C-alpha atoms as a PDB file:
ATOM      1  CA  MET A   1      10.418 -15.815   9.178  1.00  0.00           C
ATOM      2  CA  THR A   2       9.993 -12.793  11.439  1.00  0.00           C
ATOM      3  CA  ASP A   3       6.758 -10.908  11.821  1.00  0.00           C
ATOM      4  CA  LEU A   4       7.079  -7.580  10.098  1.00  0.00           C
ATOM      5  CA  ARG A   5       3.851  -6.088  11.608  1.00  0.00           C
ATOM      6  CA  PRO A   6       5.577  -3.812  14.025  1.00  0.00           C
ATOM      7  CA  GLU A   7       7.881  -2.400  11.339  1.00  0.00           C
ATOM      8  CA  PHE A   8       4.923  -2.195   8.969  1.00  0.00           C
ATOM      9  CA  GLU A   9       2.836  -0.112  11.413  1.00  0.00           C
ATOM     10  CA  GLN A  10       5.914   2.037  12.139  1.00  0.00           C
ATOM     11  CA  ALA A  11       6.404   2.626   8.347  1.00  0.00           C
ATOM     12  CA  ALA A  12       2.746   3.615   8.120  1.00  0.00           C
ATOM     13  CA  GLU A  13       3.273   6.278  10.813  1.00  0.00           C
ATOM     14  CA  ASP A  14       6.667   7.394   9.357  1.00  0.00           C
ATOM     15  CA  ILE A  15       5.190   7.980   5.870  1.00  0.00           C
ATOM     16  CA  GLN A  16       3.001  10.622   7.403  1.00  0.00           C
ATOM     17  CA  LYS A  17       6.126  12.668   8.202  1.00  0.00           C
ATOM     18  CA  LEU A  18       7.224  12.839   4.587  1.00  0.00           C
ATOM     19  CA  GLY A  19       7.981  16.394   3.719  1.00  0.00           C
ATOM     20  CA  GLU A  20       7.004  16.186   0.076  1.00  0.00           C
ATOM     21  CA  ARG A  21       3.951  14.482  -1.394  1.00  0.00           C
ATOM     22  CA  PRO A  22       4.903  11.590  -3.551  1.00  0.00           C
ATOM     23  CA  ASP A  23       3.596  11.326  -7.171  1.00  0.00           C
ATOM     24  CA  ASN A  24       0.245   9.663  -7.776  1.00  0.00           C
ATOM     25  CA  ASP A  25       1.760   6.439  -9.018  1.00  0.00           C
ATOM     26  CA  THR A  26       3.808   6.104  -5.820  1.00  0.00           C
ATOM     27  CA  LEU A  27       0.773   6.951  -3.682  1.00  0.00           C
ATOM     28  CA  LEU A  28      -1.193   4.204  -5.408  1.00  0.00           C
ATOM     29  CA  LYS A  29       1.594   1.708  -4.798  1.00  0.00           C
ATOM     30  CA  LEU A  30       1.721   2.686  -1.107  1.00  0.00           C
ATOM     31  CA  TYR A  31      -1.981   2.359  -0.793  1.00  0.00           C
ATOM     32  CA  ALA A  32      -2.077  -1.020  -2.498  1.00  0.00           C
ATOM     33  CA  LEU A  33       0.769  -2.508  -0.551  1.00  0.00           C
ATOM     34  CA  TYR A  34      -0.623  -1.221   2.690  1.00  0.00           C
ATOM     35  CA  LYS A  35      -4.104  -2.750   1.932  1.00  0.00           C
ATOM     36  CA  GLN A  36      -2.576  -6.021   0.774  1.00  0.00           C
ATOM     37  CA  GLY A  37      -0.377  -6.157   3.827  1.00  0.00           C
ATOM     38  CA  SER A  38      -3.158  -5.349   6.307  1.00  0.00           C
ATOM     39  CA  GLU A  39      -6.296  -6.954   4.741  1.00  0.00           C
ATOM     40  CA  GLY A  40      -5.100  -9.415   2.078  1.00  0.00           C
ATOM     41  CA  ASP A  41      -6.614  -9.712  -1.357  1.00  0.00           C
ATOM     42  CA  VAL A  42      -8.925  -7.032  -2.646  1.00  0.00           C
ATOM     43  CA  HIS A  43     -12.567  -7.386  -1.609  1.00  0.00           C
ATOM     44  CA  GLY A  44     -15.773  -5.510  -2.004  1.00  0.00           C
ATOM     45  CA  GLN A  45     -17.302  -4.073  -5.189  1.00  0.00           C
ATOM     46  CA  GLN A  46     -15.199  -2.016  -7.553  1.00  0.00           C
ATOM     47  CA  PRO A  47     -16.173   1.616  -7.349  1.00  0.00           C
ATOM     48  CA  GLY A  48     -18.319   3.155 -10.137  1.00  0.00           C
ATOM     49  CA  PHE A  49     -16.789   4.349 -13.406  1.00  0.00           C
ATOM     50  CA  PHE A  50     -16.941   8.024 -12.411  1.00  0.00           C
ATOM     51  CA  ASP A  51     -15.198   7.496  -9.084  1.00  0.00           C
ATOM     52  CA  PHE A  52     -11.713   7.828 -10.671  1.00  0.00           C
ATOM     53  CA  ILE A  53      -9.746   7.867  -7.521  1.00  0.00           C
ATOM     54  CA  GLY A  54     -11.681   4.973  -5.983  1.00  0.00           C
ATOM     55  CA  THR A  55     -11.350   2.965  -9.167  1.00  0.00           C
ATOM     56  CA  ALA A  56      -7.467   3.650  -9.394  1.00  0.00           C
ATOM     57  CA  LYS A  57      -7.139   2.543  -5.759  1.00  0.00           C
ATOM     58  CA  TYR A  58      -9.103  -0.546  -6.287  1.00  0.00           C
ATOM     59  CA  GLU A  59      -7.296  -1.477  -9.443  1.00  0.00           C
ATOM     60  CA  ALA A  60      -3.907  -0.914  -7.905  1.00  0.00           C
ATOM     61  CA  TRP A  61      -4.837  -3.205  -4.959  1.00  0.00           C
ATOM     62  CA  ALA A  62      -6.353  -5.816  -7.307  1.00  0.00           C
ATOM     63  CA  LYS A  63      -3.028  -6.050  -9.176  1.00  0.00           C
ATOM     64  CA  LEU A  64      -1.501  -7.506  -5.909  1.00  0.00           C
ATOM     65  CA  ARG A  65      -4.043 -10.294  -5.666  1.00  0.00           C
ATOM     66  CA  GLY A  66      -2.239 -13.323  -4.456  1.00  0.00           C
ATOM     67  CA  VAL A  67       0.722 -11.614  -3.022  1.00  0.00           C
ATOM     68  CA  ASP A  68       1.410 -12.901   0.545  1.00  0.00           C
ATOM     69  CA  GLY A  69       0.728 -10.397   3.263  1.00  0.00           C
ATOM     70  CA  GLU A  70       4.222 -10.707   4.648  1.00  0.00           C
ATOM     71  CA  GLU A  71       5.695  -9.982   1.180  1.00  0.00           C
ATOM     72  CA  ALA A  72       3.446  -6.880   0.763  1.00  0.00           C
ATOM     73  CA  ARG A  73       4.490  -5.663   4.274  1.00  0.00           C
ATOM     74  CA  ARG A  74       8.166  -6.100   3.282  1.00  0.00           C
ATOM     75  CA  ARG A  75       7.666  -4.160   0.030  1.00  0.00           C
ATOM     76  CA  TYR A  76       5.753  -1.387   1.862  1.00  0.00           C
ATOM     77  CA  ILE A  77       8.553  -0.925   4.375  1.00  0.00           C
ATOM     78  CA  GLU A  78      11.216  -0.924   1.715  1.00  0.00           C
ATOM     79  CA  LEU A  79       9.246   1.707  -0.320  1.00  0.00           C
ATOM     80  CA  VAL A  80       8.688   3.964   2.805  1.00  0.00           C
ATOM     81  CA  ARG A  81      12.405   3.745   3.674  1.00  0.00           C
ATOM     82  CA  GLU A  82      13.339   4.638   0.086  1.00  0.00           C
ATOM     83  CA  LEU A  83      10.971   7.646   0.120  1.00  0.00           C
ATOM     84  CA  LEU A  84      12.233   8.838   3.521  1.00  0.00           C
ATOM     85  CA  GLY A  85      15.772   8.440   2.238  1.00  0.00           C
END
């Protein structure tokens, strides 16, 4: 299996050049896949109830618990390519 880290890091740079802001669900998916691909399973305490954005990010990342880092990187790259068209 090839190491997708260079493509993954390039995709992280490329997504910054996106002309139009994706919807919130897509942003959460990008965030979660990036975190899973770069740090592995979710860690740290879940944000407080009134931290809506932090909680949404934490929960999106937590849903990917157990997904292999290489698989998360592959999915992230595919999603970025799809968004960039």
